[in-house]
Amino acid sequence: MGAPELEKLRQEFRRFNSEDFLDAIVAVCVLTAAADGDVASEELYSIDN
């Protein structure tokens, strides 16, 4: 991997390494878990870990 590719990879990591992005991921997990009307303990565990 050359220097330009490595720098692009670093930029992409910084782009997604933010609190807003993490909040969005957690929100999607919660919505998906609650889609059937019930959040099972297995679903909570998979979101937490």
N, C-alpha and C. Protein backbone atom coordinates (compact mmCIF):
# COMPACT_ATOMS: atom_id res chain seq x y z
N MET A 1 0.86 -1.17 0.00
CA MET A 1 0.00 0.00 0.00
C MET A 1 0.91 1.23 0.00
N GLY A 2 0.68 2.10 -0.95
CA GLY A 2 1.49 3.31 -1.06
C GLY A 2 0.99 4.42 -0.16
N ALA A 3 1.76 5.49 -0.13
CA ALA A 3 1.43 6.63 0.73
C ALA A 3 0.07 7.26 0.40
N PRO A 4 -0.27 7.47 -0.90
CA PRO A 4 -1.59 8.07 -1.18
C PRO A 4 -2.76 7.21 -0.70
N GLU A 5 -2.63 5.90 -0.86
CA GLU A 5 -3.71 5.00 -0.42
C GLU A 5 -3.84 5.01 1.10
N LEU A 6 -2.69 5.03 1.77
CA LEU A 6 -2.71 5.06 3.23
C LEU A 6 -3.34 6.36 3.75
N GLU A 7 -3.04 7.46 3.12
CA GLU A 7 -3.63 8.74 3.53
C GLU A 7 -5.14 8.75 3.28
N LYS A 8 -5.57 8.17 2.17
CA LYS A 8 -7.00 8.09 1.88
C LYS A 8 -7.71 7.24 2.94
N LEU A 9 -7.07 6.14 3.33
CA LEU A 9 -7.63 5.29 4.37
C LEU A 9 -7.74 6.04 5.69
N ARG A 10 -6.72 6.81 6.02
CA ARG A 10 -6.75 7.62 7.25
C ARG A 10 -7.90 8.64 7.21
N GLN A 11 -8.10 9.27 6.07
CA GLN A 11 -9.17 10.26 5.93
C GLN A 11 -10.54 9.60 6.10
N GLU A 12 -10.71 8.43 5.51
CA GLU A 12 -11.99 7.72 5.64
C GLU A 12 -12.24 7.33 7.09
N PHE A 13 -11.21 6.89 7.78
CA PHE A 13 -11.36 6.52 9.19
C PHE A 13 -11.78 7.73 10.01
N ARG A 14 -11.13 8.86 9.80
CA ARG A 14 -11.49 10.08 10.53
C ARG A 14 -12.92 10.50 10.23
N ARG A 15 -13.34 10.30 9.01
CA ARG A 15 -14.69 10.70 8.60
C ARG A 15 -15.75 9.94 9.39
N PHE A 16 -15.51 8.65 9.63
CA PHE A 16 -16.51 7.83 10.31
C PHE A 16 -16.23 7.68 11.80
N ASN A 17 -15.15 8.23 12.28
CA ASN A 17 -14.80 8.13 13.69
C ASN A 17 -15.30 9.38 14.42
N SER A 18 -16.61 9.48 14.53
CA SER A 18 -17.20 10.65 15.19
C SER A 18 -18.36 10.22 16.07
N GLU A 19 -18.68 11.04 17.03
CA GLU A 19 -19.78 10.73 17.94
C GLU A 19 -21.12 10.73 17.21
N ASP A 20 -21.30 11.62 16.25
CA ASP A 20 -22.55 11.65 15.48
C ASP A 20 -22.76 10.35 14.71
N PHE A 21 -21.69 9.84 14.12
CA PHE A 21 -21.79 8.59 13.37
C PHE A 21 -22.12 7.43 14.31
N LEU A 22 -21.47 7.40 15.46
CA LEU A 22 -21.75 6.36 16.45
C LEU A 22 -23.21 6.44 16.91
N ASP A 23 -23.71 7.64 17.16
CA ASP A 23 -25.12 7.81 17.55
C ASP A 23 -26.05 7.27 16.47
N ALA A 24 -25.72 7.52 15.22
CA ALA A 24 -26.55 7.04 14.11
C ALA A 24 -26.55 5.51 14.05
N ILE A 25 -25.40 4.89 14.27
CA ILE A 25 -25.32 3.43 14.25
C ILE A 25 -26.17 2.84 15.38
N VAL A 26 -26.07 3.41 16.57
CA VAL A 26 -26.85 2.92 17.70
C VAL A 26 -28.34 3.10 17.43
N ALA A 27 -28.72 4.21 16.84
CA ALA A 27 -30.14 4.45 16.52
C ALA A 27 -30.67 3.41 15.54
N VAL A 28 -29.89 3.06 14.55
CA VAL A 28 -30.31 2.03 13.59
C VAL A 28 -30.44 0.68 14.29
N CYS A 29 -29.52 0.37 15.18
CA CYS A 29 -29.60 -0.89 15.93
C CYS A 29 -30.87 -0.94 16.78
N VAL A 30 -31.19 0.16 17.44
CA VAL A 30 -32.38 0.21 18.29
C VAL A 30 -33.64 0.08 17.45
N LEU A 31 -33.70 0.80 16.35
CA LEU A 31 -34.88 0.71 15.48
C LEU A 31 -35.06 -0.69 14.92
N THR A 32 -33.97 -1.31 14.54
CA THR A 32 -34.04 -2.67 14.00
C THR A 32 -34.49 -3.65 15.07
N ALA A 33 -33.94 -3.53 16.27
CA ALA A 33 -34.32 -4.43 17.36
C ALA A 33 -35.78 -4.26 17.74
N ALA A 34 -36.29 -3.04 17.68
CA ALA A 34 -37.68 -2.78 18.10
C ALA A 34 -38.69 -2.92 16.97
N ALA A 35 -38.25 -3.28 15.79
CA ALA A 35 -39.15 -3.32 14.63
C ALA A 35 -40.30 -4.30 14.81
N ASP A 36 -40.07 -5.38 15.53
CA ASP A 36 -41.14 -6.37 15.71
C ASP A 36 -42.00 -6.08 16.94
N GLY A 37 -41.76 -4.97 17.63
CA GLY A 37 -42.56 -4.58 18.77
C GLY A 37 -42.03 -5.07 20.10
N ASP A 38 -40.97 -5.86 20.07
CA ASP A 38 -40.40 -6.40 21.30
C ASP A 38 -38.89 -6.43 21.17
N VAL A 39 -38.21 -5.98 22.21
CA VAL A 39 -36.74 -6.03 22.21
C VAL A 39 -36.32 -7.13 23.17
N ALA A 40 -35.84 -8.24 22.61
CA ALA A 40 -35.43 -9.39 23.42
C ALA A 40 -34.07 -9.12 24.05
N SER A 41 -33.79 -9.84 25.13
CA SER A 41 -32.50 -9.66 25.81
C SER A 41 -31.33 -9.99 24.89
N GLU A 42 -31.52 -10.92 23.96
CA GLU A 42 -30.46 -11.25 23.00
C GLU A 42 -30.15 -10.06 22.09
N GLU A 43 -31.19 -9.32 21.74
CA GLU A 43 -30.99 -8.14 20.91
C GLU A 43 -30.25 -7.04 21.68
N LEU A 44 -30.62 -6.87 22.94
CA LEU A 44 -29.91 -5.88 23.76
C LEU A 44 -28.45 -6.25 23.91
N TYR A 45 -28.19 -7.51 24.10
CA TYR A 45 -26.81 -7.98 24.26
C TYR A 45 -26.02 -7.75 22.98
N SER A 46 -26.61 -8.02 21.83
CA SER A 46 -25.87 -7.84 20.57
C SER A 46 -25.61 -6.38 20.29
N ILE A 47 -26.46 -5.49 20.74
CA ILE A 47 -26.23 -4.05 20.56
C ILE A 47 -25.12 -3.58 21.52
N ASP A 48 -25.16 -4.10 22.74
CA ASP A 48 -24.21 -3.67 23.76
C ASP A 48 -22.80 -4.17 23.51
N ASN A 49 -22.65 -5.29 22.85
CA ASN A 49 -21.31 -5.87 22.64
C ASN A 49 -20.90 -5.82 21.24
